[in-house]
Amino acid sequence: MLRQSTHELAVATRGRGFTEVTLEIAALVTQSGIQSGLVTLHLRHTSASLLIQENADPEVRRDFERFFARLVPDGDPLFQHACEGEDDMPAHIRTALTTVNLSIPVIRGALALGTWQGIYVWEHRTVPHRRQLAVHLLGE
């Protein structure tokens, strides 16, 4: 029988950088009892992203930060929108270049992630935020 459930997670970020949420999402899958299905994640923000990325070597995440700092620098005079500071518009562009939605299969009651894959909220603002993550589970 097909079942579904929805959840909302509040994710506290420490400012620009990655916050792993893999364990929280995996716990929701376990609690749901779904053995085969799909989990859909939606981050309700325009200045942070969702990302599946390597969770073994933290240098990978630091390299992402260095690359995006070069690609979309804070305070670039090109940007007119700076209502909340020089990181405001760059944060929106970083989100547009990545994603706020992820879909992950559930197989045998677990997230179908690779050995070194983790689920992250990627904060693009320089100050801490409390981000809202909507989770939808569907399966049997």
N, C-alpha and C. Protein backbone atom coordinates (compact mmCIF):
# COMPACT_ATOMS: atom_id res chain seq x y z
N MET A 1 0.84 -1.18 0.00
CA MET A 1 0.00 0.00 0.00
C MET A 1 0.89 1.25 0.00
N LEU A 2 0.58 2.18 -0.87
CA LEU A 2 1.33 3.42 -1.00
C LEU A 2 1.04 4.33 0.20
N ARG A 3 2.11 4.83 0.81
CA ARG A 3 1.98 5.75 1.94
C ARG A 3 2.79 7.01 1.65
N GLN A 4 2.43 8.07 2.36
CA GLN A 4 3.23 9.29 2.26
C GLN A 4 3.21 10.02 3.59
N SER A 5 4.23 10.82 3.80
CA SER A 5 4.28 11.67 4.98
C SER A 5 5.10 12.91 4.64
N THR A 6 4.79 13.97 5.35
CA THR A 6 5.53 15.23 5.16
C THR A 6 6.08 15.67 6.51
N HIS A 7 7.21 16.36 6.44
CA HIS A 7 7.88 16.84 7.64
C HIS A 7 8.53 18.17 7.32
N GLU A 8 8.79 18.93 8.35
CA GLU A 8 9.56 20.17 8.20
C GLU A 8 10.71 20.13 9.18
N LEU A 9 11.90 20.41 8.68
CA LEU A 9 13.08 20.47 9.52
C LEU A 9 13.61 21.89 9.55
N ALA A 10 13.98 22.36 10.72
CA ALA A 10 14.68 23.63 10.85
C ALA A 10 16.17 23.32 10.92
N VAL A 11 16.94 23.95 10.05
CA VAL A 11 18.38 23.71 9.98
C VAL A 11 19.10 25.00 10.36
N ALA A 12 19.84 24.95 11.44
CA ALA A 12 20.63 26.11 11.88
C ALA A 12 21.98 26.08 11.19
N THR A 13 22.27 27.12 10.43
CA THR A 13 23.58 27.20 9.76
C THR A 13 24.49 28.10 10.60
N ARG A 14 25.79 27.99 10.34
CA ARG A 14 26.77 28.81 11.06
C ARG A 14 27.29 29.95 10.18
N GLY A 15 26.53 30.29 9.15
CA GLY A 15 27.01 31.24 8.16
C GLY A 15 27.49 30.45 6.96
N ARG A 16 28.13 31.12 6.04
CA ARG A 16 28.52 30.51 4.78
C ARG A 16 29.24 29.17 5.01
N GLY A 17 28.72 28.15 4.33
CA GLY A 17 29.32 26.83 4.45
C GLY A 17 28.25 25.75 4.43
N PHE A 18 28.68 24.54 4.69
CA PHE A 18 27.84 23.35 4.57
C PHE A 18 27.39 22.83 5.93
N THR A 19 26.12 22.46 6.02
CA THR A 19 25.57 21.82 7.20
C THR A 19 24.97 20.50 6.76
N GLU A 20 25.52 19.39 7.24
CA GLU A 20 25.05 18.08 6.81
C GLU A 20 23.74 17.73 7.50
N VAL A 21 22.78 17.20 6.73
CA VAL A 21 21.47 16.81 7.25
C VAL A 21 21.15 15.35 6.92
N THR A 22 22.14 14.58 6.50
CA THR A 22 21.93 13.19 6.09
C THR A 22 21.28 12.37 7.19
N LEU A 23 21.80 12.46 8.41
CA LEU A 23 21.28 11.64 9.50
C LEU A 23 19.83 11.98 9.83
N GLU A 24 19.48 13.26 9.79
CA GLU A 24 18.11 13.67 10.07
C GLU A 24 17.13 13.13 9.02
N ILE A 25 17.55 13.18 7.74
CA ILE A 25 16.69 12.68 6.66
C ILE A 25 16.59 11.16 6.76
N ALA A 26 17.70 10.48 7.02
CA ALA A 26 17.69 9.02 7.15
C ALA A 26 16.79 8.58 8.31
N ALA A 27 16.79 9.34 9.40
CA ALA A 27 15.93 9.00 10.54
C ALA A 27 14.45 9.12 10.16
N LEU A 28 14.10 10.12 9.38
CA LEU A 28 12.71 10.25 8.93
C LEU A 28 12.29 9.08 8.04
N VAL A 29 13.21 8.63 7.19
CA VAL A 29 12.92 7.48 6.34
C VAL A 29 12.68 6.25 7.22
N THR A 30 13.55 6.03 8.18
CA THR A 30 13.40 4.87 9.08
C THR A 30 12.08 4.93 9.83
N GLN A 31 11.76 6.11 10.39
CA GLN A 31 10.52 6.27 11.16
C GLN A 31 9.28 6.05 10.29
N SER A 32 9.38 6.35 9.01
CA SER A 32 8.22 6.21 8.13
C SER A 32 7.87 4.76 7.85
N GLY A 33 8.86 3.87 7.96
CA GLY A 33 8.63 2.48 7.63
C GLY A 33 8.61 2.19 6.14
N ILE A 34 8.81 3.19 5.32
CA ILE A 34 8.81 3.00 3.87
C ILE A 34 10.04 2.20 3.46
N GLN A 35 9.82 1.15 2.69
CA GLN A 35 10.91 0.28 2.24
C GLN A 35 11.35 0.60 0.82
N SER A 36 10.42 1.07 0.00
CA SER A 36 10.71 1.37 -1.39
C SER A 36 9.94 2.62 -1.77
N GLY A 37 10.65 3.65 -2.20
CA GLY A 37 9.95 4.88 -2.55
C GLY A 37 10.91 6.01 -2.87
N LEU A 38 10.49 7.21 -2.49
CA LEU A 38 11.23 8.41 -2.84
C LEU A 38 11.09 9.44 -1.72
N VAL A 39 12.18 10.10 -1.42
CA VAL A 39 12.13 11.25 -0.52
C VAL A 39 12.47 12.49 -1.34
N THR A 40 11.61 13.49 -1.25
CA THR A 40 11.83 14.75 -1.95
C THR A 40 12.10 15.81 -0.90
N LEU A 41 13.15 16.60 -1.12
CA LEU A 41 13.55 17.67 -0.21
C LEU A 41 13.41 19.00 -0.93
N HIS A 42 12.89 19.99 -0.21
CA HIS A 42 12.75 21.33 -0.77
C HIS A 42 13.17 22.35 0.28
N LEU A 43 14.19 23.14 -0.04
CA LEU A 43 14.67 24.19 0.84
C LEU A 43 13.91 25.47 0.51
N ARG A 44 13.26 26.06 1.50
CA ARG A 44 12.37 27.20 1.27
C ARG A 44 13.10 28.55 1.34
N HIS A 45 14.17 28.67 0.58
CA HIS A 45 14.97 29.90 0.64
C HIS A 45 15.59 30.20 -0.71
N THR A 46 15.97 31.46 -0.91
CA THR A 46 16.60 31.87 -2.17
C THR A 46 18.06 32.26 -1.98
N SER A 47 18.62 32.02 -0.81
CA SER A 47 20.03 32.35 -0.58
C SER A 47 20.77 31.21 0.13
N ALA A 48 20.26 29.99 -0.08
CA ALA A 48 20.92 28.77 0.39
C ALA A 48 20.51 27.65 -0.56
N SER A 49 21.27 26.56 -0.57
CA SER A 49 21.05 25.47 -1.52
C SER A 49 21.02 24.12 -0.82
N LEU A 50 20.56 23.12 -1.57
CA LEU A 50 20.69 21.72 -1.18
C LEU A 50 21.70 21.08 -2.11
N LEU A 51 22.49 20.16 -1.55
CA LEU A 51 23.54 19.56 -2.35
C LEU A 51 23.82 18.16 -1.83
N ILE A 52 24.02 17.20 -2.74
CA ILE A 52 24.58 15.91 -2.37
C ILE A 52 26.04 15.97 -2.78
N GLN A 53 26.91 15.74 -1.80
CA GLN A 53 28.34 15.87 -2.08
C GLN A 53 29.13 14.94 -1.17
N GLU A 54 30.40 14.81 -1.45
CA GLU A 54 31.28 13.94 -0.67
C GLU A 54 31.26 14.36 0.80
N ASN A 55 31.14 13.35 1.68
CA ASN A 55 31.14 13.64 3.11
C ASN A 55 32.36 13.08 3.82
N ALA A 56 33.37 12.63 3.07
CA ALA A 56 34.57 12.06 3.69
C ALA A 56 35.64 13.12 3.90
N ASP A 57 36.00 13.84 2.86
CA ASP A 57 37.08 14.83 2.95
C ASP A 57 36.50 16.24 2.97
N PRO A 58 36.59 16.94 4.10
CA PRO A 58 36.02 18.30 4.18
C PRO A 58 36.67 19.29 3.22
N GLU A 59 37.84 18.94 2.68
CA GLU A 59 38.49 19.83 1.72
C GLU A 59 37.65 19.99 0.46
N VAL A 60 36.85 18.99 0.12
CA VAL A 60 35.95 19.09 -1.04
C VAL A 60 35.00 20.27 -0.84
N ARG A 61 34.41 20.37 0.32
CA ARG A 61 33.47 21.47 0.60
C ARG A 61 34.18 22.82 0.64
N ARG A 62 35.39 22.84 1.15
CA ARG A 62 36.16 24.09 1.15
C ARG A 62 36.52 24.50 -0.28
N ASP A 63 36.82 23.51 -1.14
CA ASP A 63 37.09 23.82 -2.54
C ASP A 63 35.87 24.41 -3.23
N PHE A 64 34.67 23.90 -2.91
CA PHE A 64 33.44 24.50 -3.44
C PHE A 64 33.35 25.96 -3.03
N GLU A 65 33.62 26.25 -1.77
CA GLU A 65 33.57 27.64 -1.29
C GLU A 65 34.57 28.52 -2.05
N ARG A 66 35.78 28.02 -2.23
CA ARG A 66 36.79 28.81 -2.95
C ARG A 66 36.38 29.06 -4.40
N PHE A 67 35.84 28.04 -5.05
CA PHE A 67 35.41 28.18 -6.44
C PHE A 67 34.29 29.21 -6.57
N PHE A 68 33.27 29.10 -5.70
CA PHE A 68 32.15 30.03 -5.79
C PHE A 68 32.55 31.44 -5.37
N ALA A 69 33.52 31.59 -4.48
CA ALA A 69 34.01 32.92 -4.12
C ALA A 69 34.65 33.59 -5.34
N ARG A 70 35.29 32.82 -6.18
CA ARG A 70 35.88 33.35 -7.40
C ARG A 70 34.81 33.61 -8.46
N LEU A 71 33.85 32.68 -8.58
CA LEU A 71 32.80 32.77 -9.59
C LEU A 71 31.82 33.91 -9.31
N VAL A 72 31.40 34.05 -8.05
CA VAL A 72 30.39 35.04 -7.66
C VAL A 72 30.90 35.76 -6.40
N PRO A 73 31.80 36.72 -6.57
CA PRO A 73 32.40 37.37 -5.39
C PRO A 73 31.43 38.33 -4.69
N ASP A 74 31.55 38.36 -3.37
CA ASP A 74 30.79 39.34 -2.58
C ASP A 74 31.24 40.74 -2.97
N GLY A 75 30.29 41.68 -2.96
CA GLY A 75 30.61 43.07 -3.21
C GLY A 75 30.93 43.42 -4.65
N ASP A 76 30.65 42.53 -5.58
CA ASP A 76 30.91 42.82 -6.99
C ASP A 76 30.09 44.05 -7.39
N PRO A 77 30.72 45.08 -7.97
CA PRO A 77 29.98 46.30 -8.33
C PRO A 77 28.92 46.08 -9.42
N LEU A 78 28.93 44.92 -10.07
CA LEU A 78 27.92 44.60 -11.06
C LEU A 78 26.52 44.55 -10.42
N PHE A 79 26.45 44.13 -9.15
CA PHE A 79 25.17 43.88 -8.49
C PHE A 79 24.59 45.15 -7.87
N GLN A 80 23.33 45.40 -8.17
CA GLN A 80 22.61 46.53 -7.59
C GLN A 80 21.87 46.13 -6.31
N HIS A 81 21.39 44.88 -6.27
CA HIS A 81 20.63 44.40 -5.10
C HIS A 81 21.60 44.09 -3.97
N ALA A 82 21.56 44.91 -2.93
CA ALA A 82 22.43 44.71 -1.76
C ALA A 82 21.70 45.11 -0.49
N CYS A 83 20.38 44.85 -0.46
CA CYS A 83 19.55 45.27 0.68
C CYS A 83 20.07 44.76 2.02
N GLU A 84 20.63 43.56 2.01
CA GLU A 84 21.08 42.94 3.26
C GLU A 84 22.60 42.80 3.31
N GLY A 85 23.31 43.54 2.49
CA GLY A 85 24.77 43.49 2.54
C GLY A 85 25.38 43.03 1.23
N GLU A 86 26.70 43.05 1.19
CA GLU A 86 27.42 42.74 -0.04
C GLU A 86 27.36 41.26 -0.42
N ASP A 87 26.92 40.40 0.50
CA ASP A 87 26.77 38.98 0.18
C ASP A 87 25.35 38.64 -0.29
N ASP A 88 24.46 39.63 -0.33
CA ASP A 88 23.04 39.41 -0.62
C ASP A 88 22.82 38.86 -2.04
N MET A 89 23.17 39.62 -3.04
CA MET A 89 22.95 39.17 -4.42
C MET A 89 23.83 37.97 -4.78
N PRO A 90 25.10 37.93 -4.38
CA PRO A 90 25.88 36.72 -4.65
C PRO A 90 25.23 35.46 -4.08
N ALA A 91 24.59 35.56 -2.92
CA ALA A 91 23.92 34.39 -2.34
C ALA A 91 22.77 33.93 -3.24
N HIS A 92 22.01 34.87 -3.79
CA HIS A 92 20.91 34.51 -4.70
C HIS A 92 21.45 33.83 -5.97
N ILE A 93 22.53 34.35 -6.51
CA ILE A 93 23.10 33.76 -7.72
C ILE A 93 23.65 32.37 -7.44
N ARG A 94 24.32 32.19 -6.31
CA ARG A 94 24.84 30.87 -5.94
C ARG A 94 23.70 29.86 -5.84
N THR A 95 22.57 30.29 -5.29
CA THR A 95 21.41 29.39 -5.20
C THR A 95 20.88 29.05 -6.59
N ALA A 96 20.80 30.05 -7.47
CA ALA A 96 20.30 29.82 -8.82
C ALA A 96 21.21 28.87 -9.60
N LEU A 97 22.50 28.87 -9.32
CA LEU A 97 23.44 28.00 -10.00
C LEU A 97 23.46 26.58 -9.44
N THR A 98 22.85 26.39 -8.29
CA THR A 98 22.81 25.07 -7.68
C THR A 98 21.35 24.62 -7.66
N THR A 99 20.78 24.29 -6.50
CA THR A 99 19.39 23.85 -6.47
C THR A 99 18.81 23.97 -5.07
N VAL A 100 17.50 24.00 -4.99
CA VAL A 100 16.81 23.97 -3.70
C VAL A 100 15.95 22.72 -3.56
N ASN A 101 16.02 21.81 -4.55
CA ASN A 101 15.22 20.57 -4.54
C ASN A 101 16.12 19.37 -4.79
N LEU A 102 15.86 18.29 -4.06
CA LEU A 102 16.54 17.02 -4.29
C LEU A 102 15.52 15.90 -4.19
N SER A 103 15.69 14.86 -4.98
CA SER A 103 14.90 13.63 -4.88
C SER A 103 15.87 12.48 -4.72
N ILE A 104 15.63 11.65 -3.71
CA ILE A 104 16.53 10.54 -3.41
C ILE A 104 15.70 9.27 -3.27
N PRO A 105 16.03 8.23 -4.03
CA PRO A 105 15.30 6.97 -3.89
C PRO A 105 15.49 6.36 -2.49
N VAL A 106 14.47 5.64 -2.06
CA VAL A 106 14.55 4.83 -0.84
C VAL A 106 14.51 3.39 -1.30
N ILE A 107 15.54 2.63 -0.95
CA ILE A 107 15.64 1.23 -1.34
C ILE A 107 15.91 0.40 -0.09
N ARG A 108 15.10 -0.63 0.12
CA ARG A 108 15.22 -1.48 1.30
C ARG A 108 15.24 -0.66 2.60
N GLY A 109 14.40 0.38 2.65
CA GLY A 109 14.23 1.17 3.86
C GLY A 109 15.32 2.17 4.15
N ALA A 110 16.20 2.42 3.19
CA ALA A 110 17.31 3.36 3.41
C ALA A 110 17.48 4.28 2.21
N LEU A 111 18.07 5.45 2.46
CA LEU A 111 18.40 6.37 1.38
C LEU A 111 19.39 5.69 0.43
N ALA A 112 19.16 5.82 -0.86
CA ALA A 112 20.04 5.20 -1.86
C ALA A 112 21.19 6.16 -2.17
N LEU A 113 22.02 6.41 -1.16
CA LEU A 113 23.19 7.27 -1.32
C LEU A 113 24.44 6.41 -1.49
N GLY A 114 25.41 6.93 -2.21
CA GLY A 114 26.68 6.24 -2.35
C GLY A 114 27.48 6.31 -1.06
N THR A 115 28.55 5.54 -1.02
CA THR A 115 29.38 5.41 0.18
C THR A 115 29.82 6.75 0.74
N TRP A 116 30.23 7.67 -0.11
CA TRP A 116 30.79 8.94 0.35
C TRP A 116 29.83 10.11 0.15
N GLN A 117 28.56 9.84 -0.08
CA GLN A 117 27.61 10.93 -0.33
C GLN A 117 26.90 11.35 0.94
N GLY A 118 26.78 12.67 1.11
CA GLY A 118 26.01 13.24 2.20
C GLY A 118 25.08 14.31 1.64
N ILE A 119 24.03 14.61 2.39
CA ILE A 119 23.06 15.65 2.01
C ILE A 119 23.39 16.89 2.83
N TYR A 120 23.52 18.01 2.14
CA TYR A 120 23.93 19.25 2.80
C TYR A 120 22.98 20.41 2.49
N VAL A 121 22.78 21.26 3.48
CA VAL A 121 22.27 22.60 3.25
C VAL A 121 23.51 23.47 3.11
N TRP A 122 23.59 24.16 1.98
CA TRP A 122 24.75 25.01 1.71
C TRP A 122 24.32 26.46 1.90
N GLU A 123 24.74 27.04 3.00
CA GLU A 123 24.43 28.43 3.33
C GLU A 123 25.31 29.35 2.50
N HIS A 124 24.69 30.30 1.80
CA HIS A 124 25.44 31.24 0.97
C HIS A 124 25.60 32.61 1.62
N ARG A 125 24.89 32.87 2.69
CA ARG A 125 25.05 34.14 3.41
C ARG A 125 26.19 34.00 4.41
N THR A 126 26.80 35.11 4.78
CA THR A 126 27.96 35.05 5.67
C THR A 126 27.58 34.95 7.15
N VAL A 127 26.34 35.23 7.47
CA VAL A 127 25.90 35.15 8.88
C VAL A 127 25.00 33.93 9.07
N PRO A 128 24.90 33.41 10.29
CA PRO A 128 24.04 32.25 10.55
C PRO A 128 22.58 32.53 10.23
N HIS A 129 21.90 31.48 9.79
CA HIS A 129 20.46 31.55 9.51
C HIS A 129 19.79 30.28 10.00
N ARG A 130 18.49 30.34 10.12
CA ARG A 130 17.68 29.16 10.43
C ARG A 130 16.88 28.87 9.16
N ARG A 131 17.24 27.78 8.49
CA ARG A 131 16.65 27.43 7.20
C ARG A 131 15.58 26.38 7.38
N GLN A 132 14.52 26.48 6.56
CA GLN A 132 13.39 25.54 6.62
C GLN A 132 13.48 24.55 5.46
N LEU A 133 13.45 23.28 5.81
CA LEU A 133 13.56 22.21 4.83
C LEU A 133 12.30 21.36 4.87
N ALA A 134 11.56 21.34 3.75
CA ALA A 134 10.36 20.51 3.64
C ALA A 134 10.77 19.13 3.11
N VAL A 135 10.22 18.09 3.75
CA VAL A 135 10.56 16.71 3.40
C VAL A 135 9.26 15.97 3.07
N HIS A 136 9.23 15.33 1.91
CA HIS A 136 8.07 14.54 1.50
C HIS A 136 8.53 13.12 1.21
N LEU A 137 7.94 12.16 1.91
CA LEU A 137 8.24 10.74 1.71
C LEU A 137 7.05 10.08 1.03
N LEU A 138 7.34 9.27 0.01
CA LEU A 138 6.29 8.56 -0.72
C LEU A 138 6.80 7.17 -1.04
N GLY A 139 6.01 6.16 -0.71
CA GLY A 139 6.43 4.81 -1.03
C GLY A 139 5.61 3.76 -0.32
N GLU A 140 6.17 2.56 -0.31
CA GLU A 140 5.47 1.44 0.35
C GLU A 140 6.43 0.62 1.16
